[in-house]
Amino acid sequence: MAQAKDFTRQARIFKALAHPTRLMIIDALLMGEKCVGDIQDLLQSSQPNVSQHLSILKASGIVDFCQKGNLRGYHLKDPDKIQALMRSLS
């Protein structure tokens, strides 16, 4: 039987995925690394809103970033798993 911490981690991931904006961000990141400004332009949303959603996705372990000067490039930590999960939900 799986341990409680596995279920807690899985619940955190599903909770992070349970928002249309975060799903749109994930869809954009499936095409490659993006900075907040790129995602902001795609979603036509404010920078604070995009940053908040990215923070939730990062805390759940779905996305990570690398610093490039004063820009952060966000990417999916495991794009193959996320893509398979997204496909299974279609």
PDB file of N, CA and C in Angstrom:
ATOM      1  N   MET A   1       0.840  -1.189   0.000  1.00  0.00           N
ATOM      2  CA  MET A   1       0.000   0.000   0.000  1.00  0.00           C
ATOM      3  C   MET A   1       0.885   1.254   0.000  1.00  0.00           C
ATOM      4  N   ALA A   2       0.463   2.236  -0.769  1.00  0.00           N
ATOM      5  CA  ALA A   2       1.228   3.489  -0.865  1.00  0.00           C
ATOM      6  C   ALA A   2       1.185   4.233   0.466  1.00  0.00           C
ATOM      7  N   GLN A   3       2.241   4.956   0.722  1.00  0.00           N
ATOM      8  CA  GLN A   3       2.329   5.711   1.966  1.00  0.00           C
ATOM      9  C   GLN A   3       1.543   7.016   1.863  1.00  0.00           C
ATOM     10  N   ALA A   4       1.153   7.526   3.013  1.00  0.00           N
ATOM     11  CA  ALA A   4       0.359   8.757   3.069  1.00  0.00           C
ATOM     12  C   ALA A   4       1.055   9.922   2.383  1.00  0.00           C
ATOM     13  N   LYS A   5       2.403   9.982   2.492  1.00  0.00           N
ATOM     14  CA  LYS A   5       3.105  11.104   1.864  1.00  0.00           C
ATOM     15  C   LYS A   5       2.989  11.053   0.338  1.00  0.00           C
ATOM     16  N   ASP A   6       2.880   9.841  -0.242  1.00  0.00           N
ATOM     17  CA  ASP A   6       2.676   9.729  -1.686  1.00  0.00           C
ATOM     18  C   ASP A   6       1.331  10.329  -2.079  1.00  0.00           C
ATOM     19  N   PHE A   7       0.297  10.029  -1.286  1.00  0.00           N
ATOM     20  CA  PHE A   7      -1.028  10.574  -1.572  1.00  0.00           C
ATOM     21  C   PHE A   7      -1.054  12.089  -1.376  1.00  0.00           C
ATOM     22  N   THR A   8      -0.338  12.569  -0.398  1.00  0.00           N
ATOM     23  CA  THR A   8      -0.268  14.015  -0.159  1.00  0.00           C
ATOM     24  C   THR A   8       0.390  14.710  -1.339  1.00  0.00           C
ATOM     25  N   ARG A   9       1.478  14.152  -1.842  1.00  0.00           N
ATOM     26  CA  ARG A   9       2.170  14.726  -3.004  1.00  0.00           C
ATOM     27  C   ARG A   9       1.263  14.695  -4.229  1.00  0.00           C
ATOM     28  N   GLN A  10       0.580  13.569  -4.438  1.00  0.00           N
ATOM     29  CA  GLN A  10      -0.317  13.443  -5.588  1.00  0.00           C
ATOM     30  C   GLN A  10      -1.474  14.428  -5.488  1.00  0.00           C
ATOM     31  N   ALA A  11      -2.030  14.586  -4.299  1.00  0.00           N
ATOM     32  CA  ALA A  11      -3.126  15.535  -4.107  1.00  0.00           C
ATOM     33  C   ALA A  11      -2.669  16.959  -4.397  1.00  0.00           C
ATOM     34  N   ARG A  12      -1.440  17.285  -3.991  1.00  0.00           N
ATOM     35  CA  ARG A  12      -0.898  18.626  -4.238  1.00  0.00           C
ATOM     36  C   ARG A  12      -0.776  18.879  -5.753  1.00  0.00           C
ATOM     37  N   ILE A  13      -0.367  17.855  -6.484  1.00  0.00           N
ATOM     38  CA  ILE A  13      -0.245  17.985  -7.942  1.00  0.00           C
ATOM     39  C   ILE A  13      -1.615  18.168  -8.577  1.00  0.00           C
ATOM     40  N   PHE A  14      -2.581  17.333  -8.190  1.00  0.00           N
ATOM     41  CA  PHE A  14      -3.920  17.459  -8.764  1.00  0.00           C
ATOM     42  C   PHE A  14      -4.558  18.802  -8.408  1.00  0.00           C
ATOM     43  N   LYS A  15      -4.325  19.276  -7.204  1.00  0.00           N
ATOM     44  CA  LYS A  15      -4.856  20.582  -6.806  1.00  0.00           C
ATOM     45  C   LYS A  15      -4.249  21.688  -7.665  1.00  0.00           C
ATOM     46  N   ALA A  16      -2.957  21.594  -7.932  1.00  0.00           N
ATOM     47  CA  ALA A  16      -2.298  22.600  -8.771  1.00  0.00           C
ATOM     48  C   ALA A  16      -2.834  22.558 -10.200  1.00  0.00           C
ATOM     49  N   LEU A  17      -3.214  21.386 -10.666  1.00  0.00           N
ATOM     50  CA  LEU A  17      -3.719  21.254 -12.033  1.00  0.00           C
ATOM     51  C   LEU A  17      -5.186  21.660 -12.156  1.00  0.00           C
ATOM     52  N   ALA A  18      -5.853  21.856 -11.041  1.00  0.00           N
ATOM     53  CA  ALA A  18      -7.297  22.088 -11.041  1.00  0.00           C
ATOM     54  C   ALA A  18      -7.670  23.551 -11.258  1.00  0.00           C
ATOM     55  N   HIS A  19      -7.003  24.197 -12.183  1.00  0.00           N
ATOM     56  CA  HIS A  19      -7.333  25.587 -12.512  1.00  0.00           C
ATOM     57  C   HIS A  19      -7.053  25.810 -13.997  1.00  0.00           C
ATOM     58  N   PRO A  20      -8.014  26.369 -14.722  1.00  0.00           N
ATOM     59  CA  PRO A  20      -7.835  26.549 -16.175  1.00  0.00           C
ATOM     60  C   PRO A  20      -6.591  27.360 -16.546  1.00  0.00           C
ATOM     61  N   THR A  21      -6.281  28.396 -15.789  1.00  0.00           N
ATOM     62  CA  THR A  21      -5.106  29.213 -16.111  1.00  0.00           C
ATOM     63  C   THR A  21      -3.832  28.400 -15.980  1.00  0.00           C
ATOM     64  N   ARG A  22      -3.732  27.585 -14.939  1.00  0.00           N
ATOM     65  CA  ARG A  22      -2.531  26.767 -14.758  1.00  0.00           C
ATOM     66  C   ARG A  22      -2.425  25.707 -15.853  1.00  0.00           C
ATOM     67  N   LEU A  23      -3.557  25.181 -16.292  1.00  0.00           N
ATOM     68  CA  LEU A  23      -3.521  24.234 -17.413  1.00  0.00           C
ATOM     69  C   LEU A  23      -3.045  24.918 -18.692  1.00  0.00           C
ATOM     70  N   MET A  24      -3.445  26.168 -18.895  1.00  0.00           N
ATOM     71  CA  MET A  24      -2.971  26.919 -20.070  1.00  0.00           C
ATOM     72  C   MET A  24      -1.471  27.181 -19.964  1.00  0.00           C
ATOM     73  N   ILE A  25      -0.991  27.468 -18.767  1.00  0.00           N
ATOM     74  CA  ILE A  25       0.452  27.677 -18.572  1.00  0.00           C
ATOM     75  C   ILE A  25       1.202  26.387 -18.880  1.00  0.00           C
ATOM     76  N   ILE A  26       0.700  25.282 -18.392  1.00  0.00           N
ATOM     77  CA  ILE A  26       1.340  23.990 -18.662  1.00  0.00           C
ATOM     78  C   ILE A  26       1.358  23.707 -20.153  1.00  0.00           C
ATOM     79  N   ASP A  27       0.248  23.990 -20.819  1.00  0.00           N
ATOM     80  CA  ASP A  27       0.180  23.775 -22.272  1.00  0.00           C
ATOM     81  C   ASP A  27       1.243  24.614 -22.979  1.00  0.00           C
ATOM     82  N   ALA A  28       1.425  25.843 -22.545  1.00  0.00           N
ATOM     83  CA  ALA A  28       2.448  26.712 -23.143  1.00  0.00           C
ATOM     84  C   ALA A  28       3.847  26.174 -22.863  1.00  0.00           C
ATOM     85  N   LEU A  29       4.080  25.679 -21.648  1.00  0.00           N
ATOM     86  CA  LEU A  29       5.404  25.171 -21.284  1.00  0.00           C
ATOM     87  C   LEU A  29       5.720  23.832 -21.955  1.00  0.00           C
ATOM     88  N   LEU A  30       4.694  23.128 -22.423  1.00  0.00           N
ATOM     89  CA  LEU A  30       4.945  21.899 -23.178  1.00  0.00           C
ATOM     90  C   LEU A  30       5.684  22.208 -24.482  1.00  0.00           C
ATOM     91  N   MET A  31       5.569  23.446 -24.951  1.00  0.00           N
ATOM     92  CA  MET A  31       6.250  23.862 -26.180  1.00  0.00           C
ATOM     93  C   MET A  31       7.645  24.395 -25.910  1.00  0.00           C
ATOM     94  N   GLY A  32       8.023  24.499 -24.631  1.00  0.00           N
ATOM     95  CA  GLY A  32       9.365  24.961 -24.294  1.00  0.00           C
ATOM     96  C   GLY A  32       9.362  26.000 -23.203  1.00  0.00           C
ATOM     97  N   GLU A  33      10.559  26.345 -22.777  1.00  0.00           N
ATOM     98  CA  GLU A  33      10.759  27.297 -21.683  1.00  0.00           C
ATOM     99  C   GLU A  33      10.199  28.668 -22.029  1.00  0.00           C
ATOM    100  N   LYS A  34       9.596  29.299 -21.031  1.00  0.00           N
ATOM    101  CA  LYS A  34       9.024  30.628 -21.222  1.00  0.00           C
ATOM    102  C   LYS A  34       9.304  31.473 -19.980  1.00  0.00           C
ATOM    103  N   CYS A  35       9.434  32.781 -20.169  1.00  0.00           N
ATOM    104  CA  CYS A  35       9.539  33.694 -19.029  1.00  0.00           C
ATOM    105  C   CYS A  35       8.130  34.204 -18.704  1.00  0.00           C
ATOM    106  N   VAL A  36       8.001  34.873 -17.577  1.00  0.00           N
ATOM    107  CA  VAL A  36       6.693  35.363 -17.141  1.00  0.00           C
ATOM    108  C   VAL A  36       6.066  36.262 -18.204  1.00  0.00           C
ATOM    109  N   GLY A  37       6.868  37.122 -18.807  1.00  0.00           N
ATOM    110  CA  GLY A  37       6.353  38.019 -19.847  1.00  0.00           C
ATOM    111  C   GLY A  37       5.765  37.266 -21.034  1.00  0.00           C
ATOM    112  N   ASP A  38       6.428  36.192 -21.448  1.00  0.00           N
ATOM    113  CA  ASP A  38       5.908  35.381 -22.560  1.00  0.00           C
ATOM    114  C   ASP A  38       4.550  34.795 -22.198  1.00  0.00           C
ATOM    115  N   ILE A  39       4.456  34.246 -20.992  1.00  0.00           N
ATOM    116  CA  ILE A  39       3.206  33.628 -20.549  1.00  0.00           C
ATOM    117  C   ILE A  39       2.127  34.691 -20.377  1.00  0.00           C
ATOM    118  N   GLN A  40       2.515  35.826 -19.855  1.00  0.00           N
ATOM    119  CA  GLN A  40       1.595  36.943 -19.684  1.00  0.00           C
ATOM    120  C   GLN A  40       0.984  37.347 -21.027  1.00  0.00           C
ATOM    121  N   ASP A  41       1.815  37.432 -22.063  1.00  0.00           N
ATOM    122  CA  ASP A  41       1.328  37.784 -23.394  1.00  0.00           C
ATOM    123  C   ASP A  41       0.382  36.718 -23.945  1.00  0.00           C
ATOM    124  N   LEU A  42       0.729  35.440 -23.744  1.00  0.00           N
ATOM    125  CA  LEU A  42      -0.120  34.353 -24.237  1.00  0.00           C
ATOM    126  C   LEU A  42      -1.488  34.341 -23.567  1.00  0.00           C
ATOM    127  N   LEU A  43      -1.500  34.585 -22.264  1.00  0.00           N
ATOM    128  CA  LEU A  43      -2.749  34.501 -21.504  1.00  0.00           C
ATOM    129  C   LEU A  43      -3.493  35.828 -21.438  1.00  0.00           C
ATOM    130  N   GLN A  44      -2.841  36.908 -21.855  1.00  0.00           N
ATOM    131  CA  GLN A  44      -3.390  38.251 -21.722  1.00  0.00           C
ATOM    132  C   GLN A  44      -3.832  38.479 -20.275  1.00  0.00           C
ATOM    133  N   SER A  45      -2.894  38.216 -19.382  1.00  0.00           N
ATOM    134  CA  SER A  45      -3.136  38.315 -17.951  1.00  0.00           C
ATOM    135  C   SER A  45      -2.065  39.198 -17.325  1.00  0.00           C
ATOM    136  N   SER A  46      -2.299  39.624 -16.098  1.00  0.00           N
ATOM    137  CA  SER A  46      -1.334  40.490 -15.421  1.00  0.00           C
ATOM    138  C   SER A  46      -0.126  39.687 -14.936  1.00  0.00           C
ATOM    139  N   GLN A  47       0.988  40.379 -14.784  1.00  0.00           N
ATOM    140  CA  GLN A  47       2.216  39.743 -14.309  1.00  0.00           C
ATOM    141  C   GLN A  47       2.033  39.140 -12.911  1.00  0.00           C
ATOM    142  N   PRO A  48       1.396  39.843 -11.964  1.00  0.00           N
ATOM    143  CA  PRO A  48       1.205  39.245 -10.641  1.00  0.00           C
ATOM    144  C   PRO A  48       0.362  37.972 -10.678  1.00  0.00           C
ATOM    145  N   ASN A  49      -0.654  37.961 -11.545  1.00  0.00           N
ATOM    146  CA  ASN A  49      -1.509  36.780 -11.666  1.00  0.00           C
ATOM    147  C   ASN A  49      -0.729  35.597 -12.208  1.00  0.00           C
ATOM    148  N   VAL A  50       0.040  35.806 -13.256  1.00  0.00           N
ATOM    149  CA  VAL A  50       0.849  34.739 -13.845  1.00  0.00           C
ATOM    150  C   VAL A  50       1.878  34.245 -12.831  1.00  0.00           C
ATOM    151  N   SER A  51       2.520  35.161 -12.140  1.00  0.00           N
ATOM    152  CA  SER A  51       3.526  34.776 -11.143  1.00  0.00           C
ATOM    153  C   SER A  51       2.916  33.945 -10.026  1.00  0.00           C
ATOM    154  N   GLN A  52       1.712  34.293  -9.602  1.00  0.00           N
ATOM    155  CA  GLN A  52       1.042  33.527  -8.556  1.00  0.00           C
ATOM    156  C   GLN A  52       0.766  32.097  -9.018  1.00  0.00           C
ATOM    157  N   HIS A  53       0.287  31.941 -10.238  1.00  0.00           N
ATOM    158  CA  HIS A  53       0.013  30.606 -10.769  1.00  0.00           C
ATOM    159  C   HIS A  53       1.312  29.804 -10.934  1.00  0.00           C
ATOM    160  N   LEU A  54       2.360  30.461 -11.402  1.00  0.00           N
ATOM    161  CA  LEU A  54       3.650  29.776 -11.533  1.00  0.00           C
ATOM    162  C   LEU A  54       4.185  29.348 -10.172  1.00  0.00           C
ATOM    163  N   SER A  55       3.961  30.148  -9.173  1.00  0.00           N
ATOM    164  CA  SER A  55       4.395  29.810  -7.820  1.00  0.00           C
ATOM    165  C   SER A  55       3.693  28.552  -7.312  1.00  0.00           C
ATOM    166  N   ILE A  56       2.421  28.431  -7.584  1.00  0.00           N
ATOM    167  CA  ILE A  56       1.664  27.237  -7.194  1.00  0.00           C
ATOM    168  C   ILE A  56       2.176  26.016  -7.945  1.00  0.00           C
ATOM    169  N   LEU A  57       2.427  26.165  -9.233  1.00  0.00           N
ATOM    170  CA  LEU A  57       2.941  25.050 -10.032  1.00  0.00           C
ATOM    171  C   LEU A  57       4.343  24.648  -9.577  1.00  0.00           C
ATOM    172  N   LYS A  58       5.143  25.620  -9.183  1.00  0.00           N
ATOM    173  CA  LYS A  58       6.482  25.310  -8.697  1.00  0.00           C
ATOM    174  C   LYS A  58       6.425  24.599  -7.350  1.00  0.00           C
ATOM    175  N   ALA A  59       5.576  25.076  -6.453  1.00  0.00           N
ATOM    176  CA  ALA A  59       5.449  24.471  -5.127  1.00  0.00           C
ATOM    177  C   ALA A  59       4.960  23.021  -5.213  1.00  0.00           C
ATOM    178  N   SER A  60       4.190  22.717  -6.238  1.00  0.00           N
ATOM    179  CA  SER A  60       3.679  21.356  -6.399  1.00  0.00           C
ATOM    180  C   SER A  60       4.687  20.447  -7.105  1.00  0.00           C
ATOM    181  N   GLY A  61       5.776  21.033  -7.595  1.00  0.00           N
ATOM    182  CA  GLY A  61       6.809  20.236  -8.247  1.00  0.00           C
ATOM    183  C   GLY A  61       6.596  20.023  -9.737  1.00  0.00           C
ATOM    184  N   ILE A  62       5.669  20.752 -10.330  1.00  0.00           N
ATOM    185  CA  ILE A  62       5.379  20.585 -11.759  1.00  0.00           C
ATOM    186  C   ILE A  62       6.334  21.401 -12.614  1.00  0.00           C
ATOM    187  N   VAL A  63       6.634  22.618 -12.185  1.00  0.00           N
ATOM    188  CA  VAL A  63       7.547  23.477 -12.943  1.00  0.00           C
ATOM    189  C   VAL A  63       8.754  23.855 -12.094  1.00  0.00           C
ATOM    190  N   ASP A  64       9.768  24.303 -12.777  1.00  0.00           N
ATOM    191  CA  ASP A  64      10.956  24.847 -12.135  1.00  0.00           C
ATOM    192  C   ASP A  64      11.434  25.986 -13.024  1.00  0.00           C
ATOM    193  N   PHE A  65      12.451  26.667 -12.607  1.00  0.00           N
ATOM    194  CA  PHE A  65      12.970  27.778 -13.417  1.00  0.00           C
ATOM    195  C   PHE A  65      14.481  27.783 -13.355  1.00  0.00           C
ATOM    196  N   CYS A  66      15.070  28.452 -14.338  1.00  0.00           N
ATOM    197  CA  CYS A  66      16.499  28.733 -14.293  1.00  0.00           C
ATOM    198  C   CYS A  66      16.647  30.237 -14.505  1.00  0.00           C
ATOM    199  N   GLN A  67      17.568  30.798 -13.769  1.00  0.00           N
ATOM    200  CA  GLN A  67      17.793  32.241 -13.801  1.00  0.00           C
ATOM    201  C   GLN A  67      18.741  32.582 -14.954  1.00  0.00           C
ATOM    202  N   LYS A  68      18.333  33.549 -15.761  1.00  0.00           N
ATOM    203  CA  LYS A  68      19.167  34.031 -16.859  1.00  0.00           C
ATOM    204  C   LYS A  68      19.248  35.540 -16.736  1.00  0.00           C
ATOM    205  N   GLY A  69      20.275  36.000 -16.040  1.00  0.00           N
ATOM    206  CA  GLY A  69      20.372  37.431 -15.757  1.00  0.00           C
ATOM    207  C   GLY A  69      19.261  37.811 -14.798  1.00  0.00           C
ATOM    208  N   ASN A  70      18.429  38.771 -15.213  1.00  0.00           N
ATOM    209  CA  ASN A  70      17.316  39.148 -14.360  1.00  0.00           C
ATOM    210  C   ASN A  70      15.998  38.503 -14.792  1.00  0.00           C
ATOM    211  N   LEU A  71      16.067  37.555 -15.712  1.00  0.00           N
ATOM    212  CA  LEU A  71      14.882  36.824 -16.163  1.00  0.00           C
ATOM    213  C   LEU A  71      14.898  35.397 -15.629  1.00  0.00           C
ATOM    214  N   ARG A  72      13.713  34.904 -15.362  1.00  0.00           N
ATOM    215  CA  ARG A  72      13.564  33.498 -14.983  1.00  0.00           C
ATOM    216  C   ARG A  72      12.878  32.778 -16.129  1.00  0.00           C
ATOM    217  N   GLY A  73      13.503  31.705 -16.594  1.00  0.00           N
ATOM    218  CA  GLY A  73      12.912  30.876 -17.632  1.00  0.00           C
ATOM    219  C   GLY A  73      12.231  29.681 -16.978  1.00  0.00           C
ATOM    220  N   TYR A  74      10.915  29.600 -17.079  1.00  0.00           N
ATOM    221  CA  TYR A  74      10.153  28.506 -16.473  1.00  0.00           C
ATOM    222  C   TYR A  74      10.035  27.343 -17.442  1.00  0.00           C
ATOM    223  N   HIS A  75      10.137  26.138 -16.894  1.00  0.00           N
ATOM    224  CA  HIS A  75      10.026  24.923 -17.698  1.00  0.00           C
ATOM    225  C   HIS A  75       9.366  23.823 -16.865  1.00  0.00           C
ATOM    226  N   LEU A  76       8.833  22.826 -17.545  1.00  0.00           N
ATOM    227  CA  LEU A  76       8.246  21.675 -16.861  1.00  0.00           C
ATOM    228  C   LEU A  76       9.365  20.782 -16.355  1.00  0.00           C
ATOM    229  N   LYS A  77       9.227  20.282 -15.126  1.00  0.00           N
ATOM    230  CA  LYS A  77      10.259  19.421 -14.563  1.00  0.00           C
ATOM    231  C   LYS A  77      10.291  18.066 -15.272  1.00  0.00           C
ATOM    232  N   ASP A  78       9.120  17.534 -15.614  1.00  0.00           N
ATOM    233  CA  ASP A  78       9.047  16.247 -16.299  1.00  0.00           C
ATOM    234  C   ASP A  78       8.002  16.340 -17.410  1.00  0.00           C
ATOM    235  N   PRO A  79       8.387  16.942 -18.537  1.00  0.00           N
ATOM    236  CA  PRO A  79       7.401  17.199 -19.597  1.00  0.00           C
ATOM    237  C   PRO A  79       6.747  15.935 -20.150  1.00  0.00           C
ATOM    238  N   ASP A  80       7.468  14.824 -20.198  1.00  0.00           N
ATOM    239  CA  ASP A  80       6.872  13.595 -20.733  1.00  0.00           C
ATOM    240  C   ASP A  80       5.713  13.111 -19.865  1.00  0.00           C
ATOM    241  N   LYS A  81       5.900  13.143 -18.553  1.00  0.00           N
ATOM    242  CA  LYS A  81       4.822  12.722 -17.646  1.00  0.00           C
ATOM    243  C   LYS A  81       3.632  13.670 -17.732  1.00  0.00           C
ATOM    244  N   ILE A  82       3.914  14.963 -17.766  1.00  0.00           N
ATOM    245  CA  ILE A  82       2.827  15.945 -17.837  1.00  0.00           C
ATOM    246  C   ILE A  82       2.078  15.814 -19.157  1.00  0.00           C
ATOM    247  N   GLN A  83       2.811  15.609 -20.241  1.00  0.00           N
ATOM    248  CA  GLN A  83       2.165  15.457 -21.536  1.00  0.00           C
ATOM    249  C   GLN A  83       1.280  14.208 -21.562  1.00  0.00           C
ATOM    250  N   ALA A  84       1.770  13.107 -20.987  1.00  0.00           N
ATOM    251  CA  ALA A  84       0.970  11.879 -20.915  1.00  0.00           C
ATOM    252  C   ALA A  84      -0.288  12.106 -20.081  1.00  0.00           C
ATOM    253  N   LEU A  85      -0.148  12.808 -18.978  1.00  0.00           N
ATOM    254  CA  LEU A  85      -1.291  13.091 -18.117  1.00  0.00           C
ATOM    255  C   LEU A  85      -2.294  13.968 -18.848  1.00  0.00           C
ATOM    256  N   MET A  86      -1.831  15.005 -19.521  1.00  0.00           N
ATOM    257  CA  MET A  86      -2.721  15.896 -20.268  1.00  0.00           C
ATOM    258  C   MET A  86      -3.443  15.148 -21.389  1.00  0.00           C
ATOM    259  N   ARG A  87      -2.706  14.257 -22.049  1.00  0.00           N
ATOM    260  CA  ARG A  87      -3.328  13.446 -23.118  1.00  0.00           C
ATOM    261  C   ARG A  87      -4.417  12.544 -22.563  1.00  0.00           C
ATOM    262  N   SER A  88      -4.145  11.966 -21.382  1.00  0.00           N
ATOM    263  CA  SER A  88      -5.126  11.048 -20.794  1.00  0.00           C
ATOM    264  C   SER A  88      -6.403  11.775 -20.367  1.00  0.00           C
ATOM    265  N   LEU A  89      -6.307  13.077 -20.131  1.00  0.00           N
ATOM    266  CA  LEU A  89      -7.477  13.853 -19.734  1.00  0.00           C
ATOM    267  C   LEU A  89      -8.267  14.384 -20.924  1.00  0.00           C
ATOM    268  N   SER A  90      -7.713  14.300 -22.113  1.00  0.00           N
ATOM    269  CA  SER A  90      -8.397  14.811 -23.317  1.00  0.00           C
ATOM    270  C   SER A  90      -9.536  13.924 -23.749  1.00  0.00           C
TER     271      SER A  90
END
